[in-house]
Structures are given as structure tokens and as C-alpha cells.
């Protein structure tokens, strides 16, 4: 039992450190302009769908934009980023506490990440569908 707890703590410690390093680096990378411009473009497309309502593909492009902004961007800001911030602020002095923190973090973060992936995929499909109806 003790060996398992220590092993999980060490793995959790490495996982926590790796995720924190990733989260620190990503905000300084070329990823951020792409990450921030995609929801903006999706919002513009949703607005274009409203302005051109009734035109072929307008409802589809509106839906794609709304799903992307809400399902990817809002979920990221409201769920994943706070989880990342909590992970960065957590005390990892205890191996058992680190293992528990990591298990909770991975479960919750992965759940929301799957939602973001699904929303992004659906939005992409809707955008392609809108293009095909034109």
C-alpha cells in the first residue's frame, strides 16, 4: 500500500509539473493568437449567419459559430483554465495529496476537454456543411 501511494505521488508530481510547464509555455507561444482568433472568427461567422438569415447555409453557419464559441472557448475559459490555475497554485508537498489532486484534475480536465473536442468537431462539420450548401 505504501509503495503504491509513493508511486502514485511520484507520477502525479511529474504529471503536475509537466502540465504546469505546458500551461506556462502555451500562453507565450504562437498558439495563443490562433486560439484567440478562432472564436472571434466563429463569432463573426455566426453574426454573418444572422445577417444573411434565409440564405442557403446561414442557419448552419450560425449554429457552427455559436457551438464553437460556447462549446470550445467559453468552456476553456470557464472550466479548463480555472482547473489549470488551481493545479498551478496547489501545494504538492505531500505525495498523497499530489496523487489525489492529480486524479481529480485529470478526471475533470479530461471531461471538459472531451466536450471542447466534440464542440469543435461539430462546429467544423457545420461550417463545412454551410460551405457545401452554397
Protein backbone atom coordinates (compact mmCIF):
# COMPACT_ATOMS: atom_id res chain seq x y z
CA UNK A 1 0.00 0.00 0.00
CA UNK A 2 2.73 2.46 0.98
CA UNK A 3 4.72 1.73 -2.17
CA UNK A 4 1.62 2.28 -4.33
CA UNK A 5 0.92 5.62 -2.64
CA UNK A 6 4.51 6.76 -3.15
CA UNK A 7 4.45 5.62 -6.78
CA UNK A 8 1.20 7.44 -7.48
CA UNK A 9 2.57 10.52 -5.77
CA UNK A 10 5.69 10.50 -7.89
CA UNK A 11 3.71 10.00 -11.08
CA UNK A 12 1.31 12.72 -10.01
CA UNK A 13 4.22 15.02 -9.21
CA UNK A 14 5.68 14.52 -12.67
CA UNK A 15 2.25 14.96 -14.28
CA UNK A 16 1.57 18.13 -12.31
CA UNK A 17 4.96 19.59 -13.17
CA UNK A 18 4.55 18.72 -16.86
CA UNK A 19 1.06 20.18 -17.08
CA UNK A 20 2.11 23.35 -15.26
CA UNK A 21 5.09 23.74 -17.60
CA UNK A 22 2.82 23.25 -20.60
CA UNK A 23 0.30 25.78 -19.31
CA UNK A 24 3.03 28.32 -18.63
CA UNK A 25 4.63 27.92 -22.04
CA UNK A 26 1.45 27.84 -24.11
CA UNK A 27 0.41 31.38 -23.18
CA UNK A 28 3.73 32.64 -24.54
CA UNK A 29 3.60 30.68 -27.78
CA UNK A 30 2.29 31.25 -31.29
CA UNK A 31 -0.67 29.10 -30.28
CA UNK A 32 -2.36 31.96 -28.41
CA UNK A 33 -3.10 34.23 -31.40
CA UNK A 34 -4.60 31.24 -33.20
CA UNK A 35 -6.53 30.18 -30.12
CA UNK A 36 -7.97 33.66 -29.62
CA UNK A 37 -8.67 34.44 -33.27
CA UNK A 38 -10.65 31.27 -33.95
CA UNK A 39 -13.53 32.11 -31.58
CA UNK A 40 -13.50 35.65 -32.95
CA UNK A 41 -13.80 34.31 -36.50
CA UNK A 42 -16.54 31.93 -35.35
CA UNK A 43 -18.46 34.80 -33.75
CA UNK A 44 -18.14 36.80 -36.97
CA UNK A 45 -19.44 33.81 -38.93
CA UNK A 46 -22.36 33.42 -36.52
CA UNK A 47 -23.18 37.11 -36.97
CA UNK A 48 -22.94 36.71 -40.75
CA UNK A 49 -25.38 33.84 -40.48
CA UNK A 50 -27.83 36.13 -38.70
CA UNK A 51 -27.34 38.98 -41.17
CA UNK A 52 -27.86 36.65 -44.12
CA UNK A 53 -30.62 34.64 -42.44
CA UNK A 54 -32.64 32.75 -45.01
CA UNK A 55 -29.73 32.37 -47.42
CA UNK A 56 -28.52 28.82 -48.04
CA UNK A 57 -26.30 27.70 -45.17
CA UNK A 58 -26.99 30.72 -42.96
CA UNK A 59 -28.57 28.75 -40.12
CA UNK A 60 -25.83 26.15 -40.34
CA UNK A 61 -23.04 28.72 -40.19
CA UNK A 62 -24.79 30.48 -37.31
CA UNK A 63 -25.04 27.20 -35.40
CA UNK A 64 -21.40 26.36 -36.09
CA UNK A 65 -20.25 29.73 -34.80
CA UNK A 66 -22.34 29.58 -31.65
CA UNK A 67 -21.35 25.99 -30.89
CA UNK A 68 -17.66 26.79 -31.33
CA UNK A 69 -17.71 29.93 -29.21
CA UNK A 70 -19.75 28.39 -26.41
CA UNK A 71 -18.52 24.81 -26.58
CA UNK A 72 -14.84 25.47 -27.07
CA UNK A 73 -13.94 28.99 -26.00
CA UNK A 74 -16.35 29.54 -23.11
CA UNK A 75 -15.72 26.04 -21.74
CA UNK A 76 -11.97 26.65 -21.93
CA UNK A 77 -12.22 29.96 -20.08
CA UNK A 78 -14.83 28.84 -17.55
CA UNK A 79 -13.66 25.28 -16.85
CA UNK A 80 -10.23 24.25 -18.14
CA UNK A 81 -8.32 27.44 -17.31
CA UNK A 82 -9.58 27.52 -13.69
CA UNK A 83 -8.57 23.87 -13.33
CA UNK A 84 -5.12 24.74 -14.68
CA UNK A 85 -4.84 27.69 -12.30
CA UNK A 86 -5.85 25.55 -9.33
CA UNK A 87 -3.26 22.96 -10.31
CA UNK A 88 -0.56 25.63 -10.52
CA UNK A 89 -1.49 27.03 -7.10
CA UNK A 90 -1.78 23.69 -5.31
CA UNK A 91 0.60 22.56 -2.61
CA UNK A 92 2.38 19.42 -3.77
CA UNK A 93 4.42 18.81 -0.62
CA UNK A 94 2.59 15.58 0.17
CA UNK A 95 2.75 12.68 -2.27
CA UNK A 96 -0.71 11.51 -1.23
CA UNK A 97 -2.18 14.99 -1.67
CA UNK A 98 -0.49 15.32 -5.06
CA UNK A 99 -1.90 11.97 -6.17
CA UNK A 100 -5.41 12.96 -5.09
CA UNK A 101 -5.10 16.38 -6.72
CA UNK A 102 -3.81 14.87 -9.95
CA UNK A 103 -6.54 12.23 -10.10
CA UNK A 104 -9.26 14.86 -9.67
CA UNK A 105 -7.60 17.24 -12.11
CA UNK A 106 -7.17 14.62 -14.84
CA UNK A 107 -10.76 13.43 -14.48
CA UNK A 108 -12.29 16.91 -14.59
CA UNK A 109 -9.94 18.43 -17.15
CA UNK A 110 -10.34 15.45 -19.49
CA UNK A 111 -14.14 15.60 -19.20
CA UNK A 112 -14.21 19.25 -20.25
CA UNK A 113 -11.56 18.69 -22.90
CA UNK A 114 -13.70 15.99 -24.49
CA UNK A 115 -16.58 18.48 -24.55
CA UNK A 116 -14.37 21.06 -26.25
CA UNK A 117 -13.25 18.49 -28.78
CA UNK A 118 -16.82 17.48 -29.53
CA UNK A 119 -17.95 21.10 -29.89
CA UNK A 120 -15.03 21.91 -32.19
CA UNK A 121 -15.72 18.86 -34.33
CA UNK A 122 -19.44 19.61 -34.61
CA UNK A 123 -18.73 23.26 -35.43
CA UNK A 124 -16.24 22.24 -38.11
CA UNK A 125 -18.80 19.88 -39.61
CA UNK A 126 -21.40 22.63 -39.62
CA UNK A 127 -19.01 25.09 -41.27
CA UNK A 128 -18.18 22.54 -43.97
CA UNK A 129 -21.89 21.80 -44.38
CA UNK A 130 -22.60 25.51 -44.80
CA UNK A 131 -19.94 25.76 -47.48
CA UNK A 132 -21.38 22.79 -49.32
CA UNK A 133 -24.87 24.33 -49.41
CA UNK A 134 -23.66 27.45 -51.20
